[in-house]
PDB file of N, CA and C in Angstrom:
ATOM      1  N   MET A   1       5.907  -7.568 -21.513  1.00  0.00           N
ATOM      2  CA  MET A   1       5.471  -6.451 -20.371  1.00  0.00           C
ATOM      3  C   MET A   1       5.585  -7.368 -19.302  1.00  0.00           C
ATOM      4  N   GLY A   2       5.908  -6.651 -18.290  1.00  0.00           N
ATOM      5  CA  GLY A   2       5.953  -7.252 -16.894  1.00  0.00           C
ATOM      6  C   GLY A   2       4.944  -6.577 -15.849  1.00  0.00           C
ATOM      7  N   TYR A   3       4.566  -7.019 -14.863  1.00  0.00           N
ATOM      8  CA  TYR A   3       3.566  -6.310 -14.117  1.00  0.00           C
ATOM      9  C   TYR A   3       3.803  -6.699 -12.746  1.00  0.00           C
ATOM     10  N   LEU A   4       4.092  -5.786 -11.867  1.00  0.00           N
ATOM     11  CA  LEU A   4       4.184  -5.874 -10.257  1.00  0.00           C
ATOM     12  C   LEU A   4       3.295  -4.798  -9.518  1.00  0.00           C
ATOM     13  N   ASP A   5       2.666  -5.192  -8.432  1.00  0.00           N
ATOM     14  CA  ASP A   5       1.994  -4.279  -7.634  1.00  0.00           C
ATOM     15  C   ASP A   5       3.074  -3.738  -6.716  1.00  0.00           C
ATOM     16  N   TYR A   6       3.197  -2.419  -6.755  1.00  0.00           N
ATOM     17  CA  TYR A   6       4.254  -1.812  -6.021  1.00  0.00           C
ATOM     18  C   TYR A   6       4.101  -1.886  -4.597  1.00  0.00           C
ATOM     19  N   TRP A   7       3.026  -2.335  -3.762  1.00  0.00           N
ATOM     20  CA  TRP A   7       3.078  -2.510  -2.415  1.00  0.00           C
ATOM     21  C   TRP A   7       3.516  -4.074  -2.197  1.00  0.00           C
ATOM     22  N   ARG A   8       3.750  -4.796  -2.895  1.00  0.00           N
ATOM     23  CA  ARG A   8       4.386  -6.305  -2.963  1.00  0.00           C
ATOM     24  C   ARG A   8       6.038  -5.890  -2.509  1.00  0.00           C
ATOM     25  N   LEU A   9       6.515  -4.897  -2.976  1.00  0.00           N
ATOM     26  CA  LEU A   9       7.989  -4.490  -2.876  1.00  0.00           C
ATOM     27  C   LEU A   9       8.393  -4.194  -1.359  1.00  0.00           C
ATOM     28  N   ALA A  10       7.365  -4.128  -0.839  1.00  0.00           N
ATOM     29  CA  ALA A  10       7.436  -3.708   0.854  1.00  0.00           C
ATOM     30  C   ALA A  10       6.951  -4.762   1.986  1.00  0.00           C
ATOM     31  N   SER A  11       7.734  -4.568   2.871  1.00  0.00           N
ATOM     32  CA  SER A  11       7.255  -5.586   3.988  1.00  0.00           C
ATOM     33  C   SER A  11       7.284  -4.662   5.392  1.00  0.00           C
ATOM     34  N   ASP A  12       6.293  -5.464   6.011  1.00  0.00           N
ATOM     35  CA  ASP A  12       5.873  -5.021   7.400  1.00  0.00           C
ATOM     36  C   ASP A  12       6.891  -5.152   8.497  1.00  0.00           C
ATOM     37  N   PRO A  13       7.899  -4.770   9.233  1.00  0.00           N
ATOM     38  CA  PRO A  13       8.905  -5.237  10.193  1.00  0.00           C
ATOM     39  C   PRO A  13       8.092  -6.254  11.165  1.00  0.00           C
ATOM     40  N   GLY A  14       6.787  -5.615  11.581  1.00  0.00           N
ATOM     41  CA  GLY A  14       6.142  -6.615  12.320  1.00  0.00           C
ATOM     42  C   GLY A  14       5.546  -7.957  12.049  1.00  0.00           C
ATOM     43  N   GLY A  15       5.781  -8.187  10.638  1.00  0.00           N
ATOM     44  CA  GLY A  15       5.583  -9.390   9.998  1.00  0.00           C
ATOM     45  C   GLY A  15       3.950  -9.351   9.469  1.00  0.00           C
ATOM     46  N   GLY A  16       3.458  -8.360   9.527  1.00  0.00           N
ATOM     47  CA  GLY A  16       1.953  -8.366   9.005  1.00  0.00           C
ATOM     48  C   GLY A  16       1.928  -8.163   7.727  1.00  0.00           C
ATOM     49  N   VAL A  17       0.537  -8.288   6.909  1.00  0.00           N
ATOM     50  CA  VAL A  17       0.574  -7.830   5.535  1.00  0.00           C
ATOM     51  C   VAL A  17       0.664  -6.246   5.520  1.00  0.00           C
ATOM     52  N   ILE A  18       0.988  -5.961   4.202  1.00  0.00           N
ATOM     53  CA  ILE A  18       1.250  -4.398   4.060  1.00  0.00           C
ATOM     54  C   ILE A  18      -0.488  -3.970   3.584  1.00  0.00           C
ATOM     55  N   PRO A  19      -0.635  -3.083   4.184  1.00  0.00           N
ATOM     56  CA  PRO A  19      -2.490  -2.849   3.844  1.00  0.00           C
ATOM     57  C   PRO A  19      -2.591  -2.340   2.547  1.00  0.00           C
ATOM     58  N   GLY A  20      -3.737  -2.068   2.033  1.00  0.00           N
ATOM     59  CA  GLY A  20      -4.001  -1.807   0.805  1.00  0.00           C
ATOM     60  C   GLY A  20      -4.447  -0.326   0.422  1.00  0.00           C
ATOM     61  N   HIS A  21      -5.430   0.111   0.004  1.00  0.00           N
ATOM     62  CA  HIS A  21      -5.631   1.206  -0.668  1.00  0.00           C
ATOM     63  C   HIS A  21      -5.956   2.389  -0.006  1.00  0.00           C
ATOM     64  N   ALA A  22      -5.324   3.545   0.102  1.00  0.00           N
ATOM     65  CA  ALA A  22      -5.400   5.020   0.702  1.00  0.00           C
ATOM     66  C   ALA A  22      -5.306   4.852   2.293  1.00  0.00           C
ATOM     67  N   GLY A  23      -4.786   3.926   2.900  1.00  0.00           N
ATOM     68  CA  GLY A  23      -4.649   3.933   4.417  1.00  0.00           C
ATOM     69  C   GLY A  23      -3.664   3.874   4.902  1.00  0.00           C
ATOM     70  N   GLU A  24      -3.152   3.411   5.948  1.00  0.00           N
ATOM     71  CA  GLU A  24      -1.795   3.430   6.568  1.00  0.00           C
ATOM     72  C   GLU A  24      -0.720   3.662   5.415  1.00  0.00           C
ATOM     73  N   PHE A  25      -0.662   2.515   5.001  1.00  0.00           N
ATOM     74  CA  PHE A  25       0.717   2.614   4.048  1.00  0.00           C
ATOM     75  C   PHE A  25       1.049   3.356   3.025  1.00  0.00           C
ATOM     76  N   GLU A  26      -0.263   3.767   1.776  1.00  0.00           N
ATOM     77  CA  GLU A  26      -0.275   4.780   1.155  1.00  0.00           C
ATOM     78  C   GLU A  26      -0.150   6.029   1.736  1.00  0.00           C
ATOM     79  N   THR A  27      -1.137   6.569   2.824  1.00  0.00           N
ATOM     80  CA  THR A  27      -0.791   7.573   3.532  1.00  0.00           C
ATOM     81  C   THR A  27       0.703   7.883   3.974  1.00  0.00           C
ATOM     82  N   SER A  28       1.450   6.930   4.358  1.00  0.00           N
ATOM     83  CA  SER A  28       2.913   7.148   5.033  1.00  0.00           C
ATOM     84  C   SER A  28       3.765   7.342   3.920  1.00  0.00           C
ATOM     85  N   LEU A  29       3.578   6.758   2.809  1.00  0.00           N
ATOM     86  CA  LEU A  29       4.299   7.099   1.693  1.00  0.00           C
ATOM     87  C   LEU A  29       4.209   8.624   1.148  1.00  0.00           C
ATOM     88  N   VAL A  30       2.951   9.243   1.143  1.00  0.00           N
ATOM     89  CA  VAL A  30       2.723  10.499   0.960  1.00  0.00           C
ATOM     90  C   VAL A  30       3.113  11.122   2.191  1.00  0.00           C
ATOM     91  N   LEU A  31       3.091  10.861   3.076  1.00  0.00           N
ATOM     92  CA  LEU A  31       3.716  11.581   4.152  1.00  0.00           C
ATOM     93  C   LEU A  31       5.216  11.711   4.111  1.00  0.00           C
ATOM     94  N   ALA A  32       5.939  10.656   3.717  1.00  0.00           N
ATOM     95  CA  ALA A  32       7.351  10.689   3.366  1.00  0.00           C
ATOM     96  C   ALA A  32       7.840  11.690   2.395  1.00  0.00           C
ATOM     97  N   LEU A  33       7.077  11.676   1.244  1.00  0.00           N
ATOM     98  CA  LEU A  33       7.518  12.229   0.103  1.00  0.00           C
ATOM     99  C   LEU A  33       6.782  13.862   0.189  1.00  0.00           C
ATOM    100  N   ALA A  34       5.643  14.062   0.277  1.00  0.00           N
ATOM    101  CA  ALA A  34       4.887  15.419   0.294  1.00  0.00           C
ATOM    102  C   ALA A  34       3.913  15.563   1.080  1.00  0.00           C
ATOM    103  N   PRO A  35       4.418  15.593   2.677  1.00  0.00           N
ATOM    104  CA  PRO A  35       3.326  15.841   3.915  1.00  0.00           C
ATOM    105  C   PRO A  35       2.330  16.624   3.291  1.00  0.00           C
ATOM    106  N   GLU A  36       2.766  17.610   2.794  1.00  0.00           N
ATOM    107  CA  GLU A  36       1.730  19.092   2.466  1.00  0.00           C
ATOM    108  C   GLU A  36       0.261  18.462   1.778  1.00  0.00           C
ATOM    109  N   LEU A  37       0.571  17.143   1.115  1.00  0.00           N
ATOM    110  CA  LEU A  37      -0.514  16.926   0.413  1.00  0.00           C
ATOM    111  C   LEU A  37      -1.445  15.744   1.396  1.00  0.00           C
ATOM    112  N   VAL A  38      -1.095  15.566   2.564  1.00  0.00           N
ATOM    113  CA  VAL A  38      -1.957  15.008   3.446  1.00  0.00           C
ATOM    114  C   VAL A  38      -2.785  15.786   4.157  1.00  0.00           C
ATOM    115  N   GLY A  39      -4.131  15.672   4.295  1.00  0.00           N
ATOM    116  CA  GLY A  39      -5.009  16.351   5.330  1.00  0.00           C
ATOM    117  C   GLY A  39      -5.207  15.780   6.384  1.00  0.00           C
ATOM    118  N   PRO A  40      -5.753  16.677   7.165  1.00  0.00           N
ATOM    119  CA  PRO A  40      -6.123  15.884   8.567  1.00  0.00           C
ATOM    120  C   PRO A  40      -6.722  14.544   8.556  1.00  0.00           C
ATOM    121  N   ARG A  41      -6.164  13.581   9.270  1.00  0.00           N
ATOM    122  CA  ARG A  41      -6.981  12.207   9.562  1.00  0.00           C
ATOM    123  C   ARG A  41      -7.313  11.738  10.620  1.00  0.00           C
ATOM    124  N   GLN A  42      -8.410  11.036  10.929  1.00  0.00           N
ATOM    125  CA  GLN A  42      -9.282  10.764  11.642  1.00  0.00           C
ATOM    126  C   GLN A  42      -9.075   9.445  11.965  1.00  0.00           C
ATOM    127  N   ALA A  43      -9.160   8.710  13.062  1.00  0.00           N
ATOM    128  CA  ALA A  43      -9.082   7.278  13.466  1.00  0.00           C
ATOM    129  C   ALA A  43     -10.455   6.887  12.747  1.00  0.00           C
ATOM    130  N   ARG A  44     -10.368   5.562  11.918  1.00  0.00           N
ATOM    131  CA  ARG A  44     -11.187   5.147  11.366  1.00  0.00           C
ATOM    132  C   ARG A  44     -11.768   3.825  11.992  1.00  0.00           C
ATOM    133  N   PRO A  45     -12.840   3.400  12.213  1.00  0.00           N
ATOM    134  CA  PRO A  45     -13.185   2.383  12.539  1.00  0.00           C
ATOM    135  C   PRO A  45     -13.048   1.064  11.507  1.00  0.00           C
ATOM    136  N   ARG A  46     -13.079  -0.218  11.941  1.00  0.00           N
ATOM    137  CA  ARG A  46     -12.432  -1.177  10.867  1.00  0.00           C
ATOM    138  C   ARG A  46     -13.524  -1.153   9.707  1.00  0.00           C
ATOM    139  N   PRO A  47     -12.972  -0.822   8.453  1.00  0.00           N
ATOM    140  CA  PRO A  47     -14.011  -0.793   7.422  1.00  0.00           C
ATOM    141  C   PRO A  47     -14.681  -2.128   7.273  1.00  0.00           C
ATOM    142  N   PRO A  48     -15.678  -1.969   6.278  1.00  0.00           N
ATOM    143  CA  PRO A  48     -16.538  -3.355   6.109  1.00  0.00           C
ATOM    144  C   PRO A  48     -15.300  -4.283   5.406  1.00  0.00           C
ATOM    145  N   SER A  49     -15.618  -5.610   5.360  1.00  0.00           N
ATOM    146  CA  SER A  49     -14.829  -6.671   4.597  1.00  0.00           C
ATOM    147  C   SER A  49     -15.136  -6.666   3.225  1.00  0.00           C
ATOM    148  N   MET A  50     -13.868  -6.753   2.550  1.00  0.00           N
ATOM    149  CA  MET A  50     -14.249  -7.026   0.985  1.00  0.00           C
ATOM    150  C   MET A  50     -14.425  -8.623   0.715  1.00  0.00           C
ATOM    151  N   PRO A  51     -15.387  -8.946  -0.132  1.00  0.00           N
ATOM    152  CA  PRO A  51     -15.157 -10.083  -0.510  1.00  0.00           C
ATOM    153  C   PRO A  51     -14.071 -10.914  -1.041  1.00  0.00           C
ATOM    154  N   ALA A  52     -13.516 -12.195  -0.451  1.00  0.00           N
ATOM    155  CA  ALA A  52     -12.375 -12.598  -0.623  1.00  0.00           C
ATOM    156  C   ALA A  52     -12.372 -13.904  -1.217  1.00  0.00           C
ATOM    157  N   VAL A  53     -11.667 -14.350  -2.284  1.00  0.00           N
ATOM    158  CA  VAL A  53     -11.501 -15.717  -2.800  1.00  0.00           C
ATOM    159  C   VAL A  53      -9.990 -15.813  -2.839  1.00  0.00           C
ATOM    160  N   PRO A  54      -9.182 -16.914  -2.332  1.00  0.00           N
ATOM    161  CA  PRO A  54      -7.980 -17.064  -2.276  1.00  0.00           C
ATOM    162  C   PRO A  54      -7.301 -16.962  -3.703  1.00  0.00           C
ATOM    163  N   ASP A  55      -5.869 -16.143  -3.424  1.00  0.00           N
ATOM    164  CA  ASP A  55      -5.409 -16.007  -4.662  1.00  0.00           C
ATOM    165  C   ASP A  55      -5.949 -15.105  -5.842  1.00  0.00           C
ATOM    166  N   THR A  56      -7.107 -14.362  -5.578  1.00  0.00           N
ATOM    167  CA  THR A  56      -7.901 -13.760  -6.442  1.00  0.00           C
ATOM    168  C   THR A  56      -8.104 -12.365  -6.047  1.00  0.00           C
ATOM    169  N   GLN A  57      -7.874 -11.645  -6.821  1.00  0.00           N
ATOM    170  CA  GLN A  57      -8.306  -9.902  -6.551  1.00  0.00           C
ATOM    171  C   GLN A  57      -9.728  -9.648  -7.050  1.00  0.00           C
ATOM    172  N   ILE A  58     -10.577  -8.962  -6.432  1.00  0.00           N
ATOM    173  CA  ILE A  58     -12.027  -8.806  -6.640  1.00  0.00           C
ATOM    174  C   ILE A  58     -12.066  -7.310  -6.618  1.00  0.00           C
ATOM    175  N   HIS A  59     -12.197  -6.750  -8.068  1.00  0.00           N
ATOM    176  CA  HIS A  59     -12.357  -5.576  -8.272  1.00  0.00           C
ATOM    177  C   HIS A  59     -13.858  -5.276  -8.721  1.00  0.00           C
ATOM    178  N   ALA A  60     -14.781  -4.626  -7.513  1.00  0.00           N
ATOM    179  CA  ALA A  60     -16.248  -4.311  -7.837  1.00  0.00           C
ATOM    180  C   ALA A  60     -16.666  -2.867  -7.371  1.00  0.00           C
ATOM    181  N   ALA A  61     -17.138  -2.294  -8.013  1.00  0.00           N
ATOM    182  CA  ALA A  61     -17.443  -0.691  -7.424  1.00  0.00           C
ATOM    183  C   ALA A  61     -18.195  -0.677  -6.383  1.00  0.00           C
ATOM    184  N   ALA A  62     -19.227  -1.795  -6.252  1.00  0.00           N
ATOM    185  CA  ALA A  62     -20.109  -1.701  -4.959  1.00  0.00           C
ATOM    186  C   ALA A  62     -19.092  -1.797  -3.820  1.00  0.00           C
ATOM    187  N   SER A  63     -18.107  -2.880  -3.978  1.00  0.00           N
ATOM    188  CA  SER A  63     -17.290  -3.077  -2.963  1.00  0.00           C
ATOM    189  C   SER A  63     -16.330  -1.982  -2.600  1.00  0.00           C
ATOM    190  N   TRP A  64     -15.645  -1.110  -3.448  1.00  0.00           N
ATOM    191  CA  TRP A  64     -15.283   0.063  -2.819  1.00  0.00           C
ATOM    192  C   TRP A  64     -16.014   1.373  -2.537  1.00  0.00           C
ATOM    193  N   GLN A  65     -17.094   1.310  -3.017  1.00  0.00           N
ATOM    194  CA  GLN A  65     -18.172   2.449  -2.343  1.00  0.00           C
ATOM    195  C   GLN A  65     -18.854   1.879  -0.715  1.00  0.00           C
ATOM    196  N   ALA A  66     -18.546   0.589  -0.433  1.00  0.00           N
ATOM    197  CA  ALA A  66     -18.816   0.133   0.761  1.00  0.00           C
ATOM    198  C   ALA A  66     -17.977   0.595   1.906  1.00  0.00           C
ATOM    199  N   ILE A  67     -16.726   0.495   1.392  1.00  0.00           N
ATOM    200  CA  ILE A  67     -15.495   1.102   2.457  1.00  0.00           C
ATOM    201  C   ILE A  67     -15.087   2.351   1.856  1.00  0.00           C
ATOM    202  N   ASP A  68     -15.794   3.117   1.575  1.00  0.00           N
ATOM    203  CA  ASP A  68     -15.334   4.720   1.182  1.00  0.00           C
ATOM    204  C   ASP A  68     -14.247   4.854   0.332  1.00  0.00           C
ATOM    205  N   GLY A  69     -13.776   3.875  -0.335  1.00  0.00           N
ATOM    206  CA  GLY A  69     -12.640   3.852  -1.213  1.00  0.00           C
ATOM    207  C   GLY A  69     -11.258   3.703  -0.412  1.00  0.00           C
ATOM    208  N   TYR A  70     -11.241   3.373   0.583  1.00  0.00           N
ATOM    209  CA  TYR A  70      -9.956   2.844   1.251  1.00  0.00           C
ATOM    210  C   TYR A  70     -10.089   1.678   2.138  1.00  0.00           C
ATOM    211  N   THR A  71      -8.767   1.172   2.332  1.00  0.00           N
ATOM    212  CA  THR A  71      -9.108  -0.312   2.979  1.00  0.00           C
ATOM    213  C   THR A  71      -8.625  -0.359   4.417  1.00  0.00           C
ATOM    214  N   ASP A  72      -7.778   0.686   4.916  1.00  0.00           N
ATOM    215  CA  ASP A  72      -7.530   0.664   6.530  1.00  0.00           C
ATOM    216  C   ASP A  72      -7.507   2.185   6.863  1.00  0.00           C
ATOM    217  N   ASP A  73      -6.973   2.138   7.825  1.00  0.00           N
ATOM    218  CA  ASP A  73      -7.012   3.461   8.991  1.00  0.00           C
ATOM    219  C   ASP A  73      -6.014   4.285   8.333  1.00  0.00           C
ATOM    220  N   PRO A  74      -5.819   5.553   7.600  1.00  0.00           N
ATOM    221  CA  PRO A  74      -4.945   6.473   7.253  1.00  0.00           C
ATOM    222  C   PRO A  74      -4.410   7.304   8.536  1.00  0.00           C
ATOM    223  N   ALA A  75      -5.143   7.292   9.564  1.00  0.00           N
ATOM    224  CA  ALA A  75      -4.706   7.688  10.984  1.00  0.00           C
ATOM    225  C   ALA A  75      -3.371   7.223  11.545  1.00  0.00           C
ATOM    226  N   ARG A  76      -3.342   5.813  11.075  1.00  0.00           N
ATOM    227  CA  ARG A  76      -2.223   5.340  11.901  1.00  0.00           C
ATOM    228  C   ARG A  76      -1.079   5.503  10.919  1.00  0.00           C
ATOM    229  N   ALA A  77      -0.895   6.342   9.747  1.00  0.00           N
ATOM    230  CA  ALA A  77       0.266   6.604   8.679  1.00  0.00           C
ATOM    231  C   ALA A  77       1.214   7.411   9.704  1.00  0.00           C
ATOM    232  N   ASP A  78       2.463   7.137   9.064  1.00  0.00           N
ATOM    233  CA  ASP A  78       3.676   7.769   9.747  1.00  0.00           C
ATOM    234  C   ASP A  78       4.720   8.110   8.784  1.00  0.00           C
ATOM    235  N   ALA A  79       5.362   9.193   8.830  1.00  0.00           N
ATOM    236  CA  ALA A  79       6.336   9.713   7.602  1.00  0.00           C
ATOM    237  C   ALA A  79       7.699   8.683   7.734  1.00  0.00           C
ATOM    238  N   ASP A  80       7.757   8.494   9.060  1.00  0.00           N
ATOM    239  CA  ASP A  80       9.356   7.370   9.065  1.00  0.00           C
ATOM    240  C   ASP A  80       8.914   6.107   8.366  1.00  0.00           C
ATOM    241  N   ARG A  81       7.866   5.381   8.675  1.00  0.00           N
ATOM    242  CA  ARG A  81       7.503   4.230   8.269  1.00  0.00           C
ATOM    243  C   ARG A  81       7.187   4.322   6.641  1.00  0.00           C
ATOM    244  N   GLY A  82       6.686   5.226   6.239  1.00  0.00           N
ATOM    245  CA  GLY A  82       6.643   5.718   4.879  1.00  0.00           C
ATOM    246  C   GLY A  82       8.017   5.692   4.366  1.00  0.00           C
ATOM    247  N   GLN A  83       8.984   6.174   4.932  1.00  0.00           N
ATOM    248  CA  GLN A  83      10.111   6.210   4.213  1.00  0.00           C
ATOM    249  C   GLN A  83      10.929   5.112   3.981  1.00  0.00           C
ATOM    250  N   ARG A  84      10.805   4.348   5.526  1.00  0.00           N
ATOM    251  CA  ARG A  84      11.184   2.568   5.099  1.00  0.00           C
ATOM    252  C   ARG A  84      10.574   1.903   4.118  1.00  0.00           C
ATOM    253  N   TRP A  85       9.076   2.293   4.130  1.00  0.00           N
ATOM    254  CA  TRP A  85       8.601   1.492   2.886  1.00  0.00           C
ATOM    255  C   TRP A  85       8.813   1.948   1.481  1.00  0.00           C
ATOM    256  N   LEU A  86       9.138   3.154   1.300  1.00  0.00           N
ATOM    257  CA  LEU A  86       9.450   3.830  -0.109  1.00  0.00           C
ATOM    258  C   LEU A  86      10.892   3.128  -0.229  1.00  0.00           C
ATOM    259  N   THR A  87      11.765   3.203   0.462  1.00  0.00           N
ATOM    260  CA  THR A  87      13.030   2.808   0.155  1.00  0.00           C
ATOM    261  C   THR A  87      12.944   1.358  -0.029  1.00  0.00           C
ATOM    262  N   GLN A  88      11.957   0.509   0.690  1.00  0.00           N
ATOM    263  CA  GLN A  88      12.192  -0.897   0.006  1.00  0.00           C
ATOM    264  C   GLN A  88      11.146  -1.248  -1.350  1.00  0.00           C
ATOM    265  N   CYS A  89      10.352  -0.380  -1.429  1.00  0.00           N
ATOM    266  CA  CYS A  89      10.228  -0.148  -2.872  1.00  0.00           C
ATOM    267  C   CYS A  89      10.841   0.120  -3.958  1.00  0.00           C
ATOM    268  N   VAL A  90      11.648   0.983  -3.688  1.00  0.00           N
ATOM    269  CA  VAL A  90      12.705   1.544  -4.737  1.00  0.00           C
ATOM    270  C   VAL A  90      13.828   0.409  -5.044  1.00  0.00           C
ATOM    271  N   GLN A  91      14.072  -0.068  -3.684  1.00  0.00           N
ATOM    272  CA  GLN A  91      15.080  -1.092  -4.041  1.00  0.00           C
ATOM    273  C   GLN A  91      14.759  -2.362  -4.446  1.00  0.00           C
ATOM    274  N   GLY A  92      13.619  -2.881  -4.211  1.00  0.00           N
ATOM    275  CA  GLY A  92      12.735  -4.233  -4.868  1.00  0.00           C
ATOM    276  C   GLY A  92      12.522  -3.899  -6.266  1.00  0.00           C
ATOM    277  N   LEU A  93      12.371  -2.627  -6.809  1.00  0.00           N
ATOM    278  CA  LEU A  93      11.815  -2.331  -7.999  1.00  0.00           C
ATOM    279  C   LEU A  93      13.329  -2.492  -8.743  1.00  0.00           C
ATOM    280  N   ALA A  94      14.309  -1.694  -8.173  1.00  0.00           N
ATOM    281  CA  ALA A  94      15.724  -1.918  -8.756  1.00  0.00           C
ATOM    282  C   ALA A  94      16.158  -3.354  -9.068  1.00  0.00           C
ATOM    283  N   ASP A  95      16.094  -4.169  -8.134  1.00  0.00           N
ATOM    284  CA  ASP A  95      16.371  -5.639  -7.956  1.00  0.00           C
ATOM    285  C   ASP A  95      15.734  -6.296  -9.070  1.00  0.00           C
ATOM    286  N   ARG A  96      14.507  -6.010  -9.246  1.00  0.00           N
ATOM    287  CA  ARG A  96      13.763  -6.708 -10.303  1.00  0.00           C
ATOM    288  C   ARG A  96      13.840  -6.130 -11.700  1.00  0.00           C
ATOM    289  N   LEU A  97      14.179  -5.040 -11.846  1.00  0.00           N
ATOM    290  CA  LEU A  97      14.675  -4.555 -13.103  1.00  0.00           C
ATOM    291  C   LEU A  97      16.020  -5.196 -13.545  1.00  0.00           C
ATOM    292  N   VAL A  98      16.858  -5.248 -12.514  1.00  0.00           N
ATOM    293  CA  VAL A  98      18.239  -6.049 -13.029  1.00  0.00           C
ATOM    294  C   VAL A  98      17.895  -7.571 -13.278  1.00  0.00           C
ATOM    295  N   ALA A  99      17.036  -8.174 -12.431  1.00  0.00           N
ATOM    296  CA  ALA A  99      16.817  -9.455 -12.704  1.00  0.00           C
ATOM    297  C   ALA A  99      16.271  -9.637 -14.161  1.00  0.00           C
ATOM    298  N   LEU A 100      15.178  -8.809 -14.386  1.00  0.00           N
ATOM    299  CA  LEU A 100      14.553  -8.966 -15.822  1.00  0.00           C
ATOM    300  C   LEU A 100      15.706  -8.576 -17.166  1.00  0.00           C
ATOM    301  N   ALA A 101      16.204  -7.625 -16.798  1.00  0.00           N
ATOM    302  CA  ALA A 101      17.618  -7.447 -17.732  1.00  0.00           C
ATOM    303  C   ALA A 101      18.431  -8.540 -17.581  1.00  0.00           C
ATOM    304  N   ASP A 102      19.145  -9.480 -16.801  1.00  0.00           N
ATOM    305  CA  ASP A 102      19.447 -10.638 -16.742  1.00  0.00           C
ATOM    306  C   ASP A 102      18.876 -11.733 -17.234  1.00  0.00           C
ATOM    307  N   THR A 103      17.597 -11.472 -17.164  1.00  0.00           N
ATOM    308  CA  THR A 103      17.018 -12.819 -17.573  1.00  0.00           C
ATOM    309  C   THR A 103      16.498 -12.884 -19.237  1.00  0.00           C
ATOM    310  N   LEU A 104      16.079 -11.542 -19.642  1.00  0.00           N
ATOM    311  CA  LEU A 104      15.570 -11.132 -20.708  1.00  0.00           C
ATOM    312  C   LEU A 104      16.877 -11.141 -21.843  1.00  0.00           C
TER     313      LEU A 104
END
């Protein structure tokens, strides 16, 4: 079995880190695929910080409740950027599946 977080397949043209859950990145993807599923979005102040340990993912119910379930601002979502990210994800996954087939 192989595991890969799909958001690691996309890159930010500005060199930034792809954001996390239910914010700009994922909302942009949905806007590109099914915009009717995205409701009104209001600008969101900076969410509370998630606890961080280098190279470690922390999943704690209290942390997700503290940030209301999303990690960044969905109001910054954009369908065109979502389409670019979606294309990167699809191509990146295809490349990795070919690499897996060649390796295994």
